[in-house]
Amino acid sequence: NFKITDIKWIFGEFKRPDMIVGERNLKKMDENGGKTVLEISVQNRS
């Protein structure tokens, strides 16, 4: 279950931040599959 127990609203006009996600590289780190690694990049274009 998911519940919102409290929320405080505010009214406003805004420009959403320009954040982009670049490359996503998913890989195993050893021959035995002991760890899975995700490499990503994120850029703030605002």
ModelCIF file with pLDDT and N, C-alpha, C, O atoms, coordinates in Angstrom:
data_MODEL
#
_entry.id   MODEL 
#
_entity.id                         1 
_entity.type                       polymer 
_entity.pdbx_number_of_molecules   1 
#
_entity_poly.entity_id                      1 
_entity_poly.type                           'polypeptide(L)' 
_entity_poly.nstd_linkage                   no 
_entity_poly.nstd_monomer                   no 
_entity_poly.pdbx_seq_one_letter_code       NFKITDIKWIFGEFKRPDMIVGERNLKKMDENGGKTVLEISVQNRS 
_entity_poly.pdbx_seq_one_letter_code_can   NFKITDIKWIFGEFKRPDMIVGERNLKKMDENGGKTVLEISVQNRS 
_entity_poly.pdbx_strand_id                 A 
#
loop_
_entity_poly_seq.entity_id 
_entity_poly_seq.num 
_entity_poly_seq.mon_id 
_entity_poly_seq.hetero 
1 1  ASN n 
1 2  PHE n 
1 3  LYS n 
1 4  ILE n 
1 5  THR n 
1 6  ASP n 
1 7  ILE n 
1 8  LYS n 
1 9  TRP n 
1 10 ILE n 
1 11 PHE n 
1 12 GLY n 
1 13 GLU n 
1 14 PHE n 
1 15 LYS n 
1 16 ARG n 
1 17 PRO n 
1 18 ASP n 
1 19 MET n 
1 20 ILE n 
1 21 VAL n 
1 22 GLY n 
1 23 GLU n 
1 24 ARG n 
1 25 ASN n 
1 26 LEU n 
1 27 LYS n 
1 28 LYS n 
1 29 MET n 
1 30 ASP n 
1 31 GLU n 
1 32 ASN n 
1 33 GLY n 
1 34 GLY n 
1 35 LYS n 
1 36 THR n 
1 37 VAL n 
1 38 LEU n 
1 39 GLU n 
1 40 ILE n 
1 41 SER n 
1 42 VAL n 
1 43 GLN n 
1 44 ASN n 
1 45 ARG n 
1 46 SER n 
#
_struct_asym.id          A 
_struct_asym.entity_id   1 
#
loop_
_ma_qa_metric.id 
_ma_qa_metric.mode 
_ma_qa_metric.name 
_ma_qa_metric.software_group_id 
_ma_qa_metric.type 
1 global pLDDT . pLDDT 
2 local  pLDDT . pLDDT 
#
_ma_qa_metric_global.metric_id      1 
_ma_qa_metric_global.metric_value   88.46 
_ma_qa_metric_global.model_id       1 
_ma_qa_metric_global.ordinal_id     1 
#
loop_
_ma_qa_metric_local.label_asym_id 
_ma_qa_metric_local.label_comp_id 
_ma_qa_metric_local.label_seq_id 
_ma_qa_metric_local.metric_id 
_ma_qa_metric_local.metric_value 
_ma_qa_metric_local.model_id 
_ma_qa_metric_local.ordinal_id 
A ASN 1  2 97.00 1 1  
A PHE 2  2 97.00 1 2  
A LYS 3  2 96.00 1 3  
A ILE 4  2 96.00 1 4  
A THR 5  2 96.00 1 5  
A ASP 6  2 96.00 1 6  
A ILE 7  2 95.00 1 7  
A LYS 8  2 92.00 1 8  
A TRP 9  2 92.00 1 9  
A ILE 10 2 90.00 1 10 
A PHE 11 2 87.00 1 11 
A GLY 12 2 77.00 1 12 
A GLU 13 2 74.00 1 13 
A PHE 14 2 76.00 1 14 
A LYS 15 2 80.00 1 15 
A ARG 16 2 85.00 1 16 
A PRO 17 2 91.00 1 17 
A ASP 18 2 95.00 1 18 
A MET 19 2 96.00 1 19 
A ILE 20 2 96.00 1 20 
A VAL 21 2 97.00 1 21 
A GLY 22 2 95.00 1 22 
A GLU 23 2 90.00 1 23 
A ARG 24 2 93.00 1 24 
A ASN 25 2 93.00 1 25 
A LEU 26 2 92.00 1 26 
A LYS 27 2 86.00 1 27 
A LYS 28 2 76.00 1 28 
A MET 29 2 74.00 1 29 
A ASP 30 2 68.00 1 30 
A GLU 31 2 61.00 1 31 
A ASN 32 2 65.00 1 32 
A GLY 33 2 60.00 1 33 
A GLY 34 2 81.00 1 34 
A LYS 35 2 86.00 1 35 
A THR 36 2 90.00 1 36 
A VAL 37 2 92.00 1 37 
A LEU 38 2 94.00 1 38 
A GLU 39 2 96.00 1 39 
A ILE 40 2 97.00 1 40 
A SER 41 2 97.00 1 41 
A VAL 42 2 98.00 1 42 
A GLN 43 2 98.00 1 43 
A ASN 44 2 97.00 1 44 
A ARG 45 2 96.00 1 45 
A SER 46 2 93.00 1 46 
#
loop_
_atom_site.group_PDB 
_atom_site.id 
_atom_site.type_symbol 
_atom_site.label_atom_id 
_atom_site.label_alt_id 
_atom_site.label_comp_id 
_atom_site.label_asym_id 
_atom_site.label_entity_id 
_atom_site.label_seq_id 
_atom_site.pdbx_PDB_ins_code 
_atom_site.Cartn_x 
_atom_site.Cartn_y 
_atom_site.Cartn_z 
_atom_site.occupancy 
_atom_site.B_iso_or_equiv 
_atom_site.pdbx_formal_charge 
_atom_site.auth_seq_id 
_atom_site.auth_comp_id 
_atom_site.auth_asym_id 
_atom_site.auth_atom_id 
_atom_site.pdbx_PDB_model_num 
ATOM 1   N N  . ASN A 1 1  ? 0.839  -1.192  0.000   1.00 97.00 ? 1  ASN A N  1 
ATOM 2   C CA . ASN A 1 1  ? 0.000  0.000   0.000   1.00 97.00 ? 1  ASN A CA 1 
ATOM 3   C C  . ASN A 1 1  ? 0.877  1.246   0.000   1.00 97.00 ? 1  ASN A C  1 
ATOM 4   O O  . ASN A 1 1  ? 2.001  1.239   0.500   1.00 97.00 ? 1  ASN A O  1 
ATOM 5   N N  . PHE A 1 2  ? 0.333  2.315   -0.573  1.00 97.00 ? 2  PHE A N  1 
ATOM 6   C CA . PHE A 1 2  ? 0.992  3.623   -0.563  1.00 97.00 ? 2  PHE A CA 1 
ATOM 7   C C  . PHE A 1 2  ? -0.008 4.651   -0.086  1.00 97.00 ? 2  PHE A C  1 
ATOM 8   O O  . PHE A 1 2  ? -1.145 4.682   -0.555  1.00 97.00 ? 2  PHE A O  1 
ATOM 9   N N  . LYS A 1 3  ? 0.415  5.508   0.860   1.00 96.00 ? 3  LYS A N  1 
ATOM 10  C CA . LYS A 1 3  ? -0.466 6.544   1.392   1.00 96.00 ? 3  LYS A CA 1 
ATOM 11  C C  . LYS A 1 3  ? 0.266  7.874   1.467   1.00 96.00 ? 3  LYS A C  1 
ATOM 12  O O  . LYS A 1 3  ? 1.438  7.923   1.840   1.00 96.00 ? 3  LYS A O  1 
ATOM 13  N N  . ILE A 1 4  ? -0.421 8.946   1.113   1.00 96.00 ? 4  ILE A N  1 
ATOM 14  C CA . ILE A 1 4  ? 0.076  10.292  1.387   1.00 96.00 ? 4  ILE A CA 1 
ATOM 15  C C  . ILE A 1 4  ? -0.553 10.738  2.698   1.00 96.00 ? 4  ILE A C  1 
ATOM 16  O O  . ILE A 1 4  ? -1.776 10.833  2.806   1.00 96.00 ? 4  ILE A O  1 
ATOM 17  N N  . THR A 1 5  ? 0.279  11.010  3.688   1.00 96.00 ? 5  THR A N  1 
ATOM 18  C CA . THR A 1 5  ? -0.227 11.334  5.019   1.00 96.00 ? 5  THR A CA 1 
ATOM 19  C C  . THR A 1 5  ? -0.323 12.831  5.276   1.00 96.00 ? 5  THR A C  1 
ATOM 20  O O  . THR A 1 5  ? -1.058 13.262  6.164   1.00 96.00 ? 5  THR A O  1 
ATOM 21  N N  . ASP A 1 6  ? 0.415  13.626  4.507   1.00 96.00 ? 6  ASP A N  1 
ATOM 22  C CA . ASP A 1 6  ? 0.332  15.083  4.669   1.00 96.00 ? 6  ASP A CA 1 
ATOM 23  C C  . ASP A 1 6  ? 0.850  15.739  3.404   1.00 96.00 ? 6  ASP A C  1 
ATOM 24  O O  . ASP A 1 6  ? 1.813  15.267  2.800   1.00 96.00 ? 6  ASP A O  1 
ATOM 25  N N  . ILE A 1 7  ? 0.202  16.843  2.999   1.00 95.00 ? 7  ILE A N  1 
ATOM 26  C CA . ILE A 1 7  ? 0.636  17.542  1.787   1.00 95.00 ? 7  ILE A CA 1 
ATOM 27  C C  . ILE A 1 7  ? 0.335  19.026  1.940   1.00 95.00 ? 7  ILE A C  1 
ATOM 28  O O  . ILE A 1 7  ? -0.737 19.404  2.414   1.00 95.00 ? 7  ILE A O  1 
ATOM 29  N N  . LYS A 1 8  ? 1.282  19.860  1.539   1.00 92.00 ? 8  LYS A N  1 
ATOM 30  C CA . LYS A 1 8  ? 1.121  21.308  1.620   1.00 92.00 ? 8  LYS A CA 1 
ATOM 31  C C  . LYS A 1 8  ? 1.241  21.879  0.212   1.00 92.00 ? 8  LYS A C  1 
ATOM 32  O O  . LYS A 1 8  ? 2.317  21.875  -0.386  1.00 92.00 ? 8  LYS A O  1 
ATOM 33  N N  . TRP A 1 9  ? 0.116  22.372  -0.307  1.00 92.00 ? 9  TRP A N  1 
ATOM 34  C CA . TRP A 1 9  ? 0.058  22.877  -1.670  1.00 92.00 ? 9  TRP A CA 1 
ATOM 35  C C  . TRP A 1 9  ? 0.516  24.327  -1.737  1.00 92.00 ? 9  TRP A C  1 
ATOM 36  O O  . TRP A 1 9  ? 0.294  25.102  -0.807  1.00 92.00 ? 9  TRP A O  1 
ATOM 37  N N  . ILE A 1 10 ? 1.159  24.684  -2.846  1.00 90.00 ? 10 ILE A N  1 
ATOM 38  C CA . ILE A 1 10 ? 1.433  26.083  -3.160  1.00 90.00 ? 10 ILE A CA 1 
ATOM 39  C C  . ILE A 1 10 ? 1.120  26.323  -4.626  1.00 90.00 ? 10 ILE A C  1 
ATOM 40  O O  . ILE A 1 10 ? 1.262  25.429  -5.460  1.00 90.00 ? 10 ILE A O  1 
ATOM 41  N N  . PHE A 1 11 ? 0.694  27.541  -4.928  1.00 87.00 ? 11 PHE A N  1 
ATOM 42  C CA . PHE A 1 11 ? 0.332  27.920  -6.288  1.00 87.00 ? 11 PHE A CA 1 
ATOM 43  C C  . PHE A 1 11 ? 1.488  28.683  -6.913  1.00 87.00 ? 11 PHE A C  1 
ATOM 44  O O  . PHE A 1 11 ? 2.072  29.553  -6.267  1.00 87.00 ? 11 PHE A O  1 
ATOM 45  N N  . GLY A 1 12 ? 1.826  28.374  -8.150  1.00 77.00 ? 12 GLY A N  1 
ATOM 46  C CA . GLY A 1 12 ? 2.915  29.095  -8.787  1.00 77.00 ? 12 GLY A CA 1 
ATOM 47  C C  . GLY A 1 12 ? 3.031  28.802  -10.261 1.00 77.00 ? 12 GLY A C  1 
ATOM 48  O O  . GLY A 1 12 ? 2.533  27.793  -10.760 1.00 77.00 ? 12 GLY A O  1 
ATOM 49  N N  . GLU A 1 13 ? 3.696  29.701  -10.943 1.00 74.00 ? 13 GLU A N  1 
ATOM 50  C CA . GLU A 1 13 ? 4.021  29.539  -12.356 1.00 74.00 ? 13 GLU A CA 1 
ATOM 51  C C  . GLU A 1 13 ? 5.529  29.315  -12.446 1.00 74.00 ? 13 GLU A C  1 
ATOM 52  O O  . GLU A 1 13 ? 6.291  30.029  -11.794 1.00 74.00 ? 13 GLU A O  1 
ATOM 53  N N  . PHE A 1 14 ? 5.963  28.368  -13.215 1.00 76.00 ? 14 PHE A N  1 
ATOM 54  C CA . PHE A 1 14 ? 7.369  28.023  -13.207 1.00 76.00 ? 14 PHE A CA 1 
ATOM 55  C C  . PHE A 1 14 ? 7.763  27.432  -14.563 1.00 76.00 ? 14 PHE A C  1 
ATOM 56  O O  . PHE A 1 14 ? 6.924  27.026  -15.367 1.00 76.00 ? 14 PHE A O  1 
ATOM 57  N N  . LYS A 1 15 ? 9.076  27.405  -14.773 1.00 80.00 ? 15 LYS A N  1 
ATOM 58  C CA . LYS A 1 15 ? 9.625  26.705  -15.924 1.00 80.00 ? 15 LYS A CA 1 
ATOM 59  C C  . LYS A 1 15 ? 10.348 25.476  -15.411 1.00 80.00 ? 15 LYS A C  1 
ATOM 60  O O  . LYS A 1 15 ? 11.269 25.589  -14.601 1.00 80.00 ? 15 LYS A O  1 
ATOM 61  N N  . ARG A 1 16 ? 9.937  24.290  -15.879 1.00 85.00 ? 16 ARG A N  1 
ATOM 62  C CA . ARG A 1 16 ? 10.525 23.045  -15.396 1.00 85.00 ? 16 ARG A CA 1 
ATOM 63  C C  . ARG A 1 16 ? 12.007 22.995  -15.745 1.00 85.00 ? 16 ARG A C  1 
ATOM 64  O O  . ARG A 1 16 ? 12.383 23.333  -16.867 1.00 85.00 ? 16 ARG A O  1 
ATOM 65  N N  . PRO A 1 17 ? 12.856 22.580  -14.807 1.00 91.00 ? 17 PRO A N  1 
ATOM 66  C CA . PRO A 1 17 ? 14.294 22.490  -15.079 1.00 91.00 ? 17 PRO A CA 1 
ATOM 67  C C  . PRO A 1 17 ? 14.587 21.560  -16.253 1.00 91.00 ? 17 PRO A C  1 
ATOM 68  O O  . PRO A 1 17 ? 13.967 20.506  -16.389 1.00 91.00 ? 17 PRO A O  1 
ATOM 69  N N  . ASP A 1 18 ? 15.520 21.953  -17.086 1.00 95.00 ? 18 ASP A N  1 
ATOM 70  C CA . ASP A 1 18 ? 15.891 21.171  -18.270 1.00 95.00 ? 18 ASP A CA 1 
ATOM 71  C C  . ASP A 1 18 ? 17.021 20.222  -17.891 1.00 95.00 ? 18 ASP A C  1 
ATOM 72  O O  . ASP A 1 18 ? 18.198 20.541  -18.055 1.00 95.00 ? 18 ASP A O  1 
ATOM 73  N N  . MET A 1 19 ? 16.649 19.060  -17.385 1.00 96.00 ? 19 MET A N  1 
ATOM 74  C CA . MET A 1 19 ? 17.612 18.026  -17.002 1.00 96.00 ? 19 MET A CA 1 
ATOM 75  C C  . MET A 1 19 ? 17.466 16.870  -17.987 1.00 96.00 ? 19 MET A C  1 
ATOM 76  O O  . MET A 1 19 ? 16.367 16.348  -18.172 1.00 96.00 ? 19 MET A O  1 
ATOM 77  N N  . ILE A 1 20 ? 18.568 16.470  -18.618 1.00 96.00 ? 20 ILE A N  1 
ATOM 78  C CA . ILE A 1 20 ? 18.492 15.387  -19.592 1.00 96.00 ? 20 ILE A CA 1 
ATOM 79  C C  . ILE A 1 20 ? 19.383 14.224  -19.160 1.00 96.00 ? 20 ILE A C  1 
ATOM 80  O O  . ILE A 1 20 ? 20.415 14.402  -18.513 1.00 96.00 ? 20 ILE A O  1 
ATOM 81  N N  . VAL A 1 21 ? 18.943 13.033  -19.543 1.00 97.00 ? 21 VAL A N  1 
ATOM 82  C CA . VAL A 1 21 ? 19.699 11.811  -19.267 1.00 97.00 ? 21 VAL A CA 1 
ATOM 83  C C  . VAL A 1 21 ? 20.360 11.358  -20.553 1.00 97.00 ? 21 VAL A C  1 
ATOM 84  O O  . VAL A 1 21 ? 19.702 11.224  -21.585 1.00 97.00 ? 21 VAL A O  1 
ATOM 85  N N  . GLY A 1 22 ? 21.659 11.124  -20.490 1.00 95.00 ? 22 GLY A N  1 
ATOM 86  C CA . GLY A 1 22 ? 22.403 10.709  -21.671 1.00 95.00 ? 22 GLY A CA 1 
ATOM 87  C C  . GLY A 1 22 ? 22.527 9.205   -21.762 1.00 95.00 ? 22 GLY A C  1 
ATOM 88  O O  . GLY A 1 22 ? 21.535 8.487   -21.637 1.00 95.00 ? 22 GLY A O  1 
ATOM 89  N N  . GLU A 1 23 ? 23.736 8.725   -21.979 1.00 90.00 ? 23 GLU A N  1 
ATOM 90  C CA . GLU A 1 23 ? 23.965 7.302   -22.196 1.00 90.00 ? 23 GLU A CA 1 
ATOM 91  C C  . GLU A 1 23 ? 23.635 6.485   -20.952 1.00 90.00 ? 23 GLU A C  1 
ATOM 92  O O  . GLU A 1 23 ? 23.757 6.957   -19.822 1.00 90.00 ? 23 GLU A O  1 
ATOM 93  N N  . ARG A 1 24 ? 23.209 5.233   -21.199 1.00 93.00 ? 24 ARG A N  1 
ATOM 94  C CA . ARG A 1 24 ? 22.916 4.275   -20.128 1.00 93.00 ? 24 ARG A CA 1 
ATOM 95  C C  . ARG A 1 24 ? 23.609 2.965   -20.496 1.00 93.00 ? 24 ARG A C  1 
ATOM 96  O O  . ARG A 1 24 ? 23.279 2.342   -21.506 1.00 93.00 ? 24 ARG A O  1 
ATOM 97  N N  . ASN A 1 25 ? 24.553 2.560   -19.687 1.00 93.00 ? 25 ASN A N  1 
ATOM 98  C CA . ASN A 1 25 ? 25.347 1.374   -19.979 1.00 93.00 ? 25 ASN A CA 1 
ATOM 99  C C  . ASN A 1 25 ? 25.215 0.384   -18.831 1.00 93.00 ? 25 ASN A C  1 
ATOM 100 O O  . ASN A 1 25 ? 25.709 0.632   -17.731 1.00 93.00 ? 25 ASN A O  1 
ATOM 101 N N  . LEU A 1 26 ? 24.541 -0.746  -19.089 1.00 92.00 ? 26 LEU A N  1 
ATOM 102 C CA . LEU A 1 26 ? 24.327 -1.775  -18.079 1.00 92.00 ? 26 LEU A CA 1 
ATOM 103 C C  . LEU A 1 26 ? 25.278 -2.931  -18.339 1.00 92.00 ? 26 LEU A C  1 
ATOM 104 O O  . LEU A 1 26 ? 25.353 -3.433  -19.461 1.00 92.00 ? 26 LEU A O  1 
ATOM 105 N N  . LYS A 1 27 ? 26.011 -3.363  -17.301 1.00 86.00 ? 27 LYS A N  1 
ATOM 106 C CA . LYS A 1 27 ? 27.013 -4.402  -17.538 1.00 86.00 ? 27 LYS A CA 1 
ATOM 107 C C  . LYS A 1 27 ? 27.274 -5.222  -16.278 1.00 86.00 ? 27 LYS A C  1 
ATOM 108 O O  . LYS A 1 27 ? 26.998 -4.783  -15.162 1.00 86.00 ? 27 LYS A O  1 
ATOM 109 N N  . LYS A 1 28 ? 27.820 -6.441  -16.490 1.00 76.00 ? 28 LYS A N  1 
ATOM 110 C CA . LYS A 1 28 ? 28.297 -7.274  -15.394 1.00 76.00 ? 28 LYS A CA 1 
ATOM 111 C C  . LYS A 1 28 ? 29.732 -6.881  -15.076 1.00 76.00 ? 28 LYS A C  1 
ATOM 112 O O  . LYS A 1 28 ? 30.491 -6.473  -15.956 1.00 76.00 ? 28 LYS A O  1 
ATOM 113 N N  . MET A 1 29 ? 30.094 -7.012  -13.787 1.00 74.00 ? 29 MET A N  1 
ATOM 114 C CA . MET A 1 29 ? 31.428 -6.593  -13.385 1.00 74.00 ? 29 MET A CA 1 
ATOM 115 C C  . MET A 1 29 ? 32.420 -7.734  -13.264 1.00 74.00 ? 29 MET A C  1 
ATOM 116 O O  . MET A 1 29 ? 33.624 -7.483  -13.209 1.00 74.00 ? 29 MET A O  1 
ATOM 117 N N  . ASP A 1 30 ? 31.953 -9.007  -13.218 1.00 68.00 ? 30 ASP A N  1 
ATOM 118 C CA . ASP A 1 30 ? 32.886 -10.121 -13.159 1.00 68.00 ? 30 ASP A CA 1 
ATOM 119 C C  . ASP A 1 30 ? 32.257 -11.335 -13.812 1.00 68.00 ? 30 ASP A C  1 
ATOM 120 O O  . ASP A 1 30 ? 31.053 -11.359 -14.065 1.00 68.00 ? 30 ASP A O  1 
ATOM 121 N N  . GLU A 1 31 ? 33.071 -12.344 -14.083 1.00 61.00 ? 31 GLU A N  1 
ATOM 122 C CA . GLU A 1 31 ? 32.614 -13.517 -14.809 1.00 61.00 ? 31 GLU A CA 1 
ATOM 123 C C  . GLU A 1 31 ? 31.566 -14.307 -14.045 1.00 61.00 ? 31 GLU A C  1 
ATOM 124 O O  . GLU A 1 31 ? 30.748 -14.993 -14.659 1.00 61.00 ? 31 GLU A O  1 
ATOM 125 N N  . ASN A 1 32 ? 31.571 -14.227 -12.734 1.00 65.00 ? 32 ASN A N  1 
ATOM 126 C CA . ASN A 1 32 ? 30.612 -14.956 -11.922 1.00 65.00 ? 32 ASN A CA 1 
ATOM 127 C C  . ASN A 1 32 ? 29.294 -14.205 -11.729 1.00 65.00 ? 32 ASN A C  1 
ATOM 128 O O  . ASN A 1 32 ? 28.399 -14.683 -11.032 1.00 65.00 ? 32 ASN A O  1 
ATOM 129 N N  . GLY A 1 33 ? 29.180 -13.041 -12.341 1.00 60.00 ? 33 GLY A N  1 
ATOM 130 C CA . GLY A 1 33 ? 27.947 -12.259 -12.213 1.00 60.00 ? 33 GLY A CA 1 
ATOM 131 C C  . GLY A 1 33 ? 27.709 -11.741 -10.814 1.00 60.00 ? 33 GLY A C  1 
ATOM 132 O O  . GLY A 1 33 ? 26.567 -11.643 -10.365 1.00 60.00 ? 33 GLY A O  1 
ATOM 133 N N  . GLY A 1 34 ? 28.794 -11.405 -10.119 1.00 81.00 ? 34 GLY A N  1 
ATOM 134 C CA . GLY A 1 34 ? 28.675 -10.990 -8.733  1.00 81.00 ? 34 GLY A CA 1 
ATOM 135 C C  . GLY A 1 34 ? 28.094 -9.610  -8.543  1.00 81.00 ? 34 GLY A C  1 
ATOM 136 O O  . GLY A 1 34 ? 27.613 -9.293  -7.455  1.00 81.00 ? 34 GLY A O  1 
ATOM 137 N N  . LYS A 1 35 ? 28.125 -8.769  -9.582  1.00 86.00 ? 35 LYS A N  1 
ATOM 138 C CA . LYS A 1 35 ? 27.615 -7.414  -9.457  1.00 86.00 ? 35 LYS A CA 1 
ATOM 139 C C  . LYS A 1 35 ? 27.164 -6.898  -10.814 1.00 86.00 ? 35 LYS A C  1 
ATOM 140 O O  . LYS A 1 35 ? 27.822 -7.128  -11.829 1.00 86.00 ? 35 LYS A O  1 
ATOM 141 N N  . THR A 1 36 ? 26.028 -6.195  -10.821 1.00 90.00 ? 36 THR A N  1 
ATOM 142 C CA . THR A 1 36 ? 25.530 -5.527  -12.015 1.00 90.00 ? 36 THR A CA 1 
ATOM 143 C C  . THR A 1 36 ? 25.690 -4.025  -11.830 1.00 90.00 ? 36 THR A C  1 
ATOM 144 O O  . THR A 1 36 ? 25.344 -3.485  -10.779 1.00 90.00 ? 36 THR A O  1 
ATOM 145 N N  . VAL A 1 37 ? 26.209 -3.352  -12.843 1.00 92.00 ? 37 VAL A N  1 
ATOM 146 C CA . VAL A 1 37 ? 26.499 -1.919  -12.756 1.00 92.00 ? 37 VAL A CA 1 
ATOM 147 C C  . VAL A 1 37 ? 25.793 -1.172  -13.881 1.00 92.00 ? 37 VAL A C  1 
ATOM 148 O O  . VAL A 1 37 ? 25.799 -1.605  -15.033 1.00 92.00 ? 37 VAL A O  1 
ATOM 149 N N  . LEU A 1 38 ? 25.183 -0.040  -13.525 1.00 94.00 ? 38 LEU A N  1 
ATOM 150 C CA . LEU A 1 38 ? 24.587 0.856   -14.507 1.00 94.00 ? 38 LEU A CA 1 
ATOM 151 C C  . LEU A 1 38 ? 25.365 2.168   -14.500 1.00 94.00 ? 38 LEU A C  1 
ATOM 152 O O  . LEU A 1 38 ? 25.481 2.833   -13.470 1.00 94.00 ? 38 LEU A O  1 
ATOM 153 N N  . GLU A 1 39 ? 25.898 2.528   -15.674 1.00 96.00 ? 39 GLU A N  1 
ATOM 154 C CA . GLU A 1 39 ? 26.590 3.804   -15.837 1.00 96.00 ? 39 GLU A CA 1 
ATOM 155 C C  . GLU A 1 39 ? 25.686 4.747   -16.629 1.00 96.00 ? 39 GLU A C  1 
ATOM 156 O O  . GLU A 1 39 ? 25.183 4.386   -17.693 1.00 96.00 ? 39 GLU A O  1 
ATOM 157 N N  . ILE A 1 40 ? 25.482 5.951   -16.107 1.00 97.00 ? 40 ILE A N  1 
ATOM 158 C CA . ILE A 1 40 ? 24.633 6.925   -16.782 1.00 97.00 ? 40 ILE A CA 1 
ATOM 159 C C  . ILE A 1 40 ? 25.305 8.299   -16.746 1.00 97.00 ? 40 ILE A C  1 
ATOM 160 O O  . ILE A 1 40 ? 26.285 8.519   -16.034 1.00 97.00 ? 40 ILE A O  1 
ATOM 161 N N  . SER A 1 41 ? 24.744 9.213   -17.539 1.00 97.00 ? 41 SER A N  1 
ATOM 162 C CA . SER A 1 41 ? 25.143 10.619  -17.440 1.00 97.00 ? 41 SER A CA 1 
ATOM 163 C C  . SER A 1 41 ? 23.887 11.475  -17.367 1.00 97.00 ? 41 SER A C  1 
ATOM 164 O O  . SER A 1 41 ? 22.864 11.161  -17.975 1.00 97.00 ? 41 SER A O  1 
ATOM 165 N N  . VAL A 1 42 ? 23.988 12.561  -16.612 1.00 98.00 ? 42 VAL A N  1 
ATOM 166 C CA . VAL A 1 42 ? 22.888 13.512  -16.450 1.00 98.00 ? 42 VAL A CA 1 
ATOM 167 C C  . VAL A 1 42 ? 23.444 14.909  -16.633 1.00 98.00 ? 42 VAL A C  1 
ATOM 168 O O  . VAL A 1 42 ? 24.501 15.242  -16.096 1.00 98.00 ? 42 VAL A O  1 
ATOM 169 N N  . GLN A 1 43 ? 22.716 15.744  -17.411 1.00 98.00 ? 43 GLN A N  1 
ATOM 170 C CA . GLN A 1 43 ? 23.192 17.104  -17.665 1.00 98.00 ? 43 GLN A CA 1 
ATOM 171 C C  . GLN A 1 43 ? 22.130 18.117  -17.277 1.00 98.00 ? 43 GLN A C  1 
ATOM 172 O O  . GLN A 1 43 ? 20.944 17.941  -17.555 1.00 98.00 ? 43 GLN A O  1 
ATOM 173 N N  . ASN A 1 44 ? 22.582 19.184  -16.626 1.00 97.00 ? 44 ASN A N  1 
ATOM 174 C CA . ASN A 1 44 ? 21.726 20.320  -16.290 1.00 97.00 ? 44 ASN A CA 1 
ATOM 175 C C  . ASN A 1 44 ? 21.810 21.333  -17.422 1.00 97.00 ? 44 ASN A C  1 
ATOM 176 O O  . ASN A 1 44 ? 22.783 22.080  -17.527 1.00 97.00 ? 44 ASN A O  1 
ATOM 177 N N  . ARG A 1 45 ? 20.788 21.356  -18.265 1.00 96.00 ? 45 ARG A N  1 
ATOM 178 C CA . ARG A 1 45 ? 20.786 22.276  -19.409 1.00 96.00 ? 45 ARG A CA 1 
ATOM 179 C C  . ARG A 1 45 ? 20.028 23.564  -19.110 1.00 96.00 ? 45 ARG A C  1 
ATOM 180 O O  . ARG A 1 45 ? 19.808 24.374  -20.010 1.00 96.00 ? 45 ARG A O  1 
ATOM 181 N N  . SER A 1 46 ? 19.628 23.762  -17.860 1.00 93.00 ? 46 SER A N  1 
ATOM 182 C CA . SER A 1 46 ? 18.979 25.012  -17.505 1.00 93.00 ? 46 SER A CA 1 
ATOM 183 C C  . SER A 1 46 ? 20.026 26.099  -17.287 1.00 93.00 ? 46 SER A C  1 
ATOM 184 O O  . SER A 1 46 ? 19.679 27.238  -16.977 1.00 93.00 ? 46 SER A O  1 
#
